[in-house]
C-alpha cells in the first residue's frame, strides 16, 4: 500500500493514497463530480474540463480527473465559481452540437443532455455554430455511423481504439475550430478496422445503425447508471461482424441485446 495523505472535500475529511486523483477521492465519499471525457477503463485525458473543482489557495480551477491529491488539500466541488465555469463549458459544447435531442435515439440516456439539465441550461447564450459548419455524416459502414455534428471531441472513442483494441484506427486531426475525430487519410468508417466503440462515447456521435433503429425512447431525465459502462466488457468484434460470426441474419441481430452484457 502507498503512503496515505489527508485531504478535505467540501468540508469532509478523507484519507487516500498519495497519487489518487481528486475525482477518485471525491467518489470515495460519495461526492459526484460531473465528467464527459473521463472513463475508468481509459487513460486520463482531461479534455472536456467539465470536472473542474476549486482548490483553496489556488487561483485557477483544477480538473479533478487529472489532478493528484496532495497532503492537506482543501477541495470545493460545488461553489458558485465552479458551477458557473461548468455551465459555460457545457454551453460552449452545445453551441457546436447538433441538439436535435427529441429525434435522437439516445434521448434520455445522453451524458451531455444530463449535464445540460442539471445545470439548468434553458437558453443558448452563445451563437449556435452548427448551421455554419460543413458537417458530414459517414454512414457507409454497416456497424458504425460517424456524425461529426454530434461529436464533442471527448476522444473516448480514440482512446478505446488505441488502448483497448490496440488498432489506432481513429485519431484527432487539425486544431481549434477545425479539430475533428477522423481516420487514416480521412477514409470512411467502412474502410477501417476498429468498430468496437459505440458505447464508449458520451453522446451519439457513433451510433450503431440497427441499434439506432430499435432503441426505444424513454421519457424522463437520463440516468447516470446507464452511461459509464465498462468498456472492457464490450464484444471483441464489431456489432455486424459478430452477427455474421454467430450465423445471425441482420434481421435477427437486433434481438440479441449484446450491449446489456
Protein backbone atom coordinates (compact mmCIF):
# COMPACT_ATOMS: atom_id res chain seq x y z
CA UNK A 1 0.00 0.00 0.00
CA UNK A 2 1.15 3.52 -0.79
CA UNK A 3 1.58 6.42 1.57
CA UNK A 4 -1.67 7.80 2.97
CA UNK A 5 -2.44 11.50 2.85
CA UNK A 6 -5.29 13.52 4.34
CA UNK A 7 -7.41 15.95 2.34
CA UNK A 8 -10.75 17.70 2.75
CA UNK A 9 -13.55 17.57 0.17
CA UNK A 10 -16.42 20.00 0.80
CA UNK A 11 -15.53 20.04 4.48
CA UNK A 12 -15.42 16.25 4.76
CA UNK A 13 -12.04 14.78 5.77
CA UNK A 14 -10.89 11.82 3.69
CA UNK A 15 -7.73 9.71 3.71
CA UNK A 16 -6.44 8.49 0.35
CA UNK A 17 -3.28 7.05 -1.12
CA UNK A 18 -0.77 9.51 -2.48
CA UNK A 19 -1.28 9.98 -6.22
CA UNK A 20 -5.05 9.45 -6.07
CA UNK A 21 -6.90 11.88 -8.30
CA UNK A 22 -9.33 14.39 -6.84
CA UNK A 23 -12.11 12.70 -8.80
CA UNK A 24 -11.42 9.28 -7.25
CA UNK A 25 -11.08 10.80 -3.79
CA UNK A 26 -14.44 12.52 -4.12
CA UNK A 27 -16.05 9.30 -5.33
CA UNK A 28 -14.85 7.51 -2.20
CA UNK A 29 -17.09 9.68 -0.02
CA UNK A 30 -19.99 9.85 -2.46
CA UNK A 31 -19.34 13.33 -3.86
CA UNK A 32 -20.34 13.34 -7.53
CA UNK A 33 -18.19 15.39 -9.90
CA UNK A 34 -19.55 15.54 -13.47
CA UNK A 35 -17.36 14.23 -16.29
CA UNK A 36 -17.57 13.71 -20.05
CA UNK A 37 -14.15 12.65 -21.32
CA UNK A 38 -13.26 10.51 -18.27
CA UNK A 39 -13.74 6.74 -18.27
CA UNK A 40 -12.43 4.34 -15.66
CA UNK A 41 -11.13 1.89 -18.29
CA UNK A 42 -9.13 4.54 -20.19
CA UNK A 43 -6.16 6.78 -19.51
CA UNK A 44 -6.81 10.27 -18.20
CA UNK A 45 -7.16 12.86 -20.96
CA UNK A 46 -8.57 15.97 -19.27
CA UNK A 47 -10.17 17.20 -22.50
CA UNK A 48 -13.63 18.40 -21.52
CA UNK A 49 -12.84 20.36 -18.33
CA UNK A 50 -16.36 19.69 -17.02
CA UNK A 51 -14.88 18.17 -13.86
CA UNK A 52 -13.16 21.36 -12.68
CA UNK A 53 -13.03 21.96 -8.92
CA UNK A 54 -11.73 24.71 -6.68
CA UNK A 55 -8.62 24.09 -4.59
CA UNK A 56 -8.31 26.56 -1.73
CA UNK A 57 -5.20 28.69 -2.22
CA UNK A 58 -5.03 28.22 -5.99
CA UNK A 59 -6.19 30.89 -8.43
CA UNK A 60 -7.19 28.56 -11.25
CA UNK A 61 -9.73 25.77 -11.18
CA UNK A 62 -8.24 22.29 -11.42
CA UNK A 63 -9.52 19.34 -13.48
CA UNK A 64 -10.46 16.71 -10.92
CA UNK A 65 -9.68 13.75 -13.19
CA UNK A 66 -6.11 14.86 -13.90
CA UNK A 67 -5.08 16.49 -10.61
CA UNK A 68 -3.46 14.25 -7.96
CA UNK A 69 -4.27 14.88 -4.33
CA UNK A 70 -1.68 16.49 -2.09
CA UNK A 71 -1.50 16.31 1.66
CA UNK A 72 -3.64 18.97 3.32
CA UNK A 73 -5.58 19.88 0.17
CA UNK A 74 -8.90 21.64 0.74
CA UNK A 75 -11.16 20.94 -2.25
CA UNK A 76 -14.51 22.55 -3.05
CA UNK A 77 -16.63 20.95 -5.76
CA UNK A 78 -19.85 22.96 -5.75
CA UNK A 79 -19.01 26.64 -5.30
CA UNK A 80 -20.56 29.42 -7.39
CA UNK A 81 -17.29 29.82 -9.29
CA UNK A 82 -17.13 26.10 -10.09
CA UNK A 83 -20.75 25.82 -11.20
CA UNK A 84 -20.50 28.91 -13.41
CA UNK A 85 -17.38 27.53 -15.08
CA UNK A 86 -19.00 24.15 -15.73
CA UNK A 87 -22.13 25.80 -17.08
CA UNK A 88 -20.14 27.91 -19.55
CA UNK A 89 -18.19 24.86 -20.71
CA UNK A 90 -21.41 22.91 -21.32
CA UNK A 91 -22.91 25.89 -23.16
CA UNK A 92 -19.85 26.09 -25.40
CA UNK A 93 -20.13 22.37 -26.15
CA UNK A 94 -23.80 22.77 -27.00
CA UNK A 95 -23.05 25.69 -29.33
CA UNK A 96 -21.18 23.25 -31.59
CA UNK A 97 -23.56 20.34 -31.02
CA UNK A 98 -26.47 19.28 -33.19
CA UNK A 99 -29.01 19.35 -30.40
CA UNK A 100 -31.93 17.55 -32.08
CA UNK A 101 -32.47 15.66 -28.85
CA UNK A 102 -36.13 14.80 -29.37
CA UNK A 103 -35.34 12.86 -32.56
CA UNK A 104 -32.06 11.38 -31.27
CA UNK A 105 -32.11 7.68 -30.38
CA UNK A 106 -30.03 8.41 -27.26
CA UNK A 107 -32.57 10.87 -25.92
CA UNK A 108 -32.94 10.21 -22.19
CA UNK A 109 -29.63 8.37 -21.96
CA UNK A 110 -27.12 11.03 -23.02
CA UNK A 111 -24.43 12.34 -20.68
CA UNK A 112 -24.35 15.79 -22.30
CA UNK A 113 -28.12 16.06 -22.09
CA UNK A 114 -27.98 15.09 -18.43
CA UNK A 115 -25.45 17.82 -17.64
CA UNK A 116 -27.43 20.42 -19.57
CA UNK A 117 -30.45 19.51 -17.46
CA UNK A 118 -28.53 19.52 -14.17
CA UNK A 119 -27.05 22.96 -14.84
CA UNK A 120 -30.37 24.43 -15.99
CA UNK A 121 -29.28 25.45 -19.47
CA UNK A 122 -32.60 26.63 -20.81
CA UNK A 123 -31.34 29.11 -23.41
CA UNK A 124 -28.21 29.42 -25.52
CA UNK A 125 -26.06 32.48 -24.81
CA UNK A 126 -23.52 31.58 -27.49
CA UNK A 127 -24.03 31.58 -31.25
CA UNK A 128 -25.22 28.19 -32.49
CA UNK A 129 -22.45 27.22 -34.90
CA UNK A 130 -23.89 24.02 -36.36
CA UNK A 131 -25.64 25.76 -39.31
CA UNK A 132 -22.34 27.40 -40.27
CA UNK A 133 -20.29 24.20 -40.20
CA UNK A 134 -19.99 21.81 -43.10
CA UNK A 135 -20.66 18.69 -41.05
CA UNK A 136 -20.86 15.37 -42.84
CA UNK A 137 -22.36 12.04 -41.80
CA UNK A 138 -20.38 8.90 -42.63
CA UNK A 139 -22.97 6.14 -42.86
CA UNK A 140 -21.15 3.81 -45.25
CA UNK A 141 -20.18 1.33 -42.54
CA UNK A 142 -22.75 -1.35 -41.58
CA UNK A 143 -21.51 -1.15 -37.97
CA UNK A 144 -20.95 2.50 -37.06
CA UNK A 145 -22.35 5.83 -38.22
CA UNK A 146 -19.96 8.75 -37.71
CA UNK A 147 -21.81 12.02 -37.19
CA UNK A 148 -19.42 14.94 -36.64
CA UNK A 149 -22.27 17.27 -35.71
CA UNK A 150 -22.85 15.22 -32.54
CA UNK A 151 -19.17 14.87 -31.59
CA UNK A 152 -17.91 16.86 -28.60
CA UNK A 153 -14.31 15.67 -29.09
CA UNK A 154 -14.06 13.89 -25.74
CA UNK A 155 -11.79 11.40 -27.56
CA UNK A 156 -13.09 8.39 -25.66
CA UNK A 157 -13.52 6.54 -28.96
CA UNK A 158 -9.92 7.36 -29.92
CA UNK A 159 -8.55 6.04 -26.64
CA UNK A 160 -10.78 2.95 -26.74
CA UNK A 161 -9.49 2.04 -30.19
CA UNK A 162 -5.87 2.65 -29.17
CA UNK A 163 -5.71 1.35 -25.61
CA UNK A 164 -8.23 -1.49 -25.51
CA UNK A 165 -8.20 -2.64 -29.12
CA UNK A 166 -4.59 -1.64 -29.99
CA UNK A 167 -5.73 -0.73 -33.51
CA UNK A 168 -5.35 3.08 -33.60
CA UNK A 169 -7.86 3.46 -36.41
CA UNK A 170 -9.04 6.83 -35.09
CA UNK A 171 -7.13 9.99 -34.27
CA UNK A 172 -7.61 13.68 -33.51
CA UNK A 173 -6.89 15.87 -36.52
CA UNK A 174 -6.49 19.63 -37.02
CA UNK A 175 -6.72 22.30 -34.31
CA UNK A 176 -9.08 24.84 -32.83
CA UNK A 177 -12.45 25.13 -34.55
CA UNK A 178 -11.33 22.67 -37.23
CA UNK A 179 -10.49 19.88 -34.76
CA UNK A 180 -12.24 16.61 -35.51
CA UNK A 181 -12.09 12.87 -34.98
CA UNK A 182 -11.02 11.18 -38.18
CA UNK A 183 -9.42 8.07 -39.63
CA UNK A 184 -6.16 7.48 -41.50
CA UNK A 185 -6.19 9.71 -44.60
CA UNK A 186 -9.77 10.61 -43.57
CA UNK A 187 -11.13 7.40 -45.02
CA UNK A 188 -14.69 6.22 -44.46
CA UNK A 189 -15.54 4.14 -41.39
CA UNK A 190 -16.26 1.32 -43.81
CA UNK A 191 -12.57 1.23 -44.77
CA UNK A 192 -11.07 0.99 -41.26
CA UNK A 193 -10.75 -1.97 -38.91
CA UNK A 194 -11.81 -0.87 -35.45
CA UNK A 195 -15.57 -0.59 -34.96
CA UNK A 196 -15.85 -1.57 -31.31
CA UNK A 197 -16.51 1.71 -29.51
CA UNK A 198 -20.14 2.82 -29.93
CA UNK A 199 -20.76 2.53 -26.17
CA UNK A 200 -17.61 4.47 -25.28
CA UNK A 201 -18.77 7.88 -26.47
CA UNK A 202 -20.64 10.28 -24.23
CA UNK A 203 -23.08 11.44 -26.94
CA UNK A 204 -24.49 9.81 -30.09
CA UNK A 205 -21.66 10.69 -32.47
CA UNK A 206 -21.02 6.98 -33.17
CA UNK A 207 -24.35 5.15 -33.11
CA UNK A 208 -24.85 1.56 -34.18
CA UNK A 209 -27.24 1.60 -37.17
CA UNK A 210 -29.59 -1.22 -36.18
CA UNK A 211 -29.40 -0.25 -32.51
CA UNK A 212 -30.38 3.27 -33.50
CA UNK A 213 -33.46 1.88 -35.24
CA UNK A 214 -34.67 -0.38 -32.43
CA UNK A 215 -33.75 1.50 -29.24
CA UNK A 216 -36.92 2.62 -27.52
CA UNK A 217 -37.04 6.21 -26.36
CA UNK A 218 -37.81 6.56 -22.69
CA UNK A 219 -39.29 9.65 -21.11
CA UNK A 220 -37.89 11.35 -18.05
CA UNK A 221 -34.40 12.54 -17.13
CA UNK A 222 -31.40 10.49 -18.30
CA UNK A 223 -29.89 8.03 -15.85
CA UNK A 224 -26.26 8.03 -14.72
CA UNK A 225 -26.32 4.28 -14.25
CA UNK A 226 -26.62 3.55 -17.97
CA UNK A 227 -23.80 5.69 -19.35
CA UNK A 228 -20.37 4.85 -17.98
CA UNK A 229 -20.49 1.13 -18.68
CA UNK A 230 -17.28 -0.86 -18.56
CA UNK A 231 -15.53 -0.82 -21.92
CA UNK A 232 -13.58 -3.93 -21.04
CA UNK A 233 -16.84 -5.89 -21.24
CA UNK A 234 -17.59 -4.88 -24.84
CA UNK A 235 -17.51 -7.54 -27.51
CA UNK A 236 -14.15 -8.08 -29.26
CA UNK A 237 -15.80 -7.76 -32.69
CA UNK A 238 -17.97 -5.13 -34.25
CA UNK A 239 -21.73 -5.46 -33.93
CA UNK A 240 -22.23 -6.52 -37.55
CA UNK A 241 -19.20 -8.78 -37.71
CA UNK A 242 -20.27 -10.52 -34.52
CA UNK A 243 -23.70 -11.16 -36.00
CA UNK A 244 -22.09 -12.72 -39.07
CA UNK A 245 -19.76 -14.90 -36.98
CA UNK A 246 -22.71 -16.04 -34.89
CA UNK A 247 -24.60 -17.10 -38.01
CA UNK A 248 -27.26 -14.48 -37.33
CA UNK A 249 -29.04 -12.63 -40.06
CA UNK A 250 -29.23 -8.81 -39.92
CA UNK A 251 -32.90 -9.19 -39.03
CA UNK A 252 -32.07 -11.45 -36.08
CA UNK A 253 -29.15 -9.41 -34.81
CA UNK A 254 -31.27 -6.71 -33.05
CA UNK A 255 -32.94 -9.40 -30.96
CA UNK A 256 -29.64 -10.16 -29.22
CA UNK A 257 -29.12 -7.41 -26.67
CA UNK A 258 -25.35 -7.64 -26.58
CA UNK A 259 -24.91 -4.11 -25.21
CA UNK A 260 -26.51 -5.18 -21.90
CA UNK A 261 -23.95 -7.94 -21.16
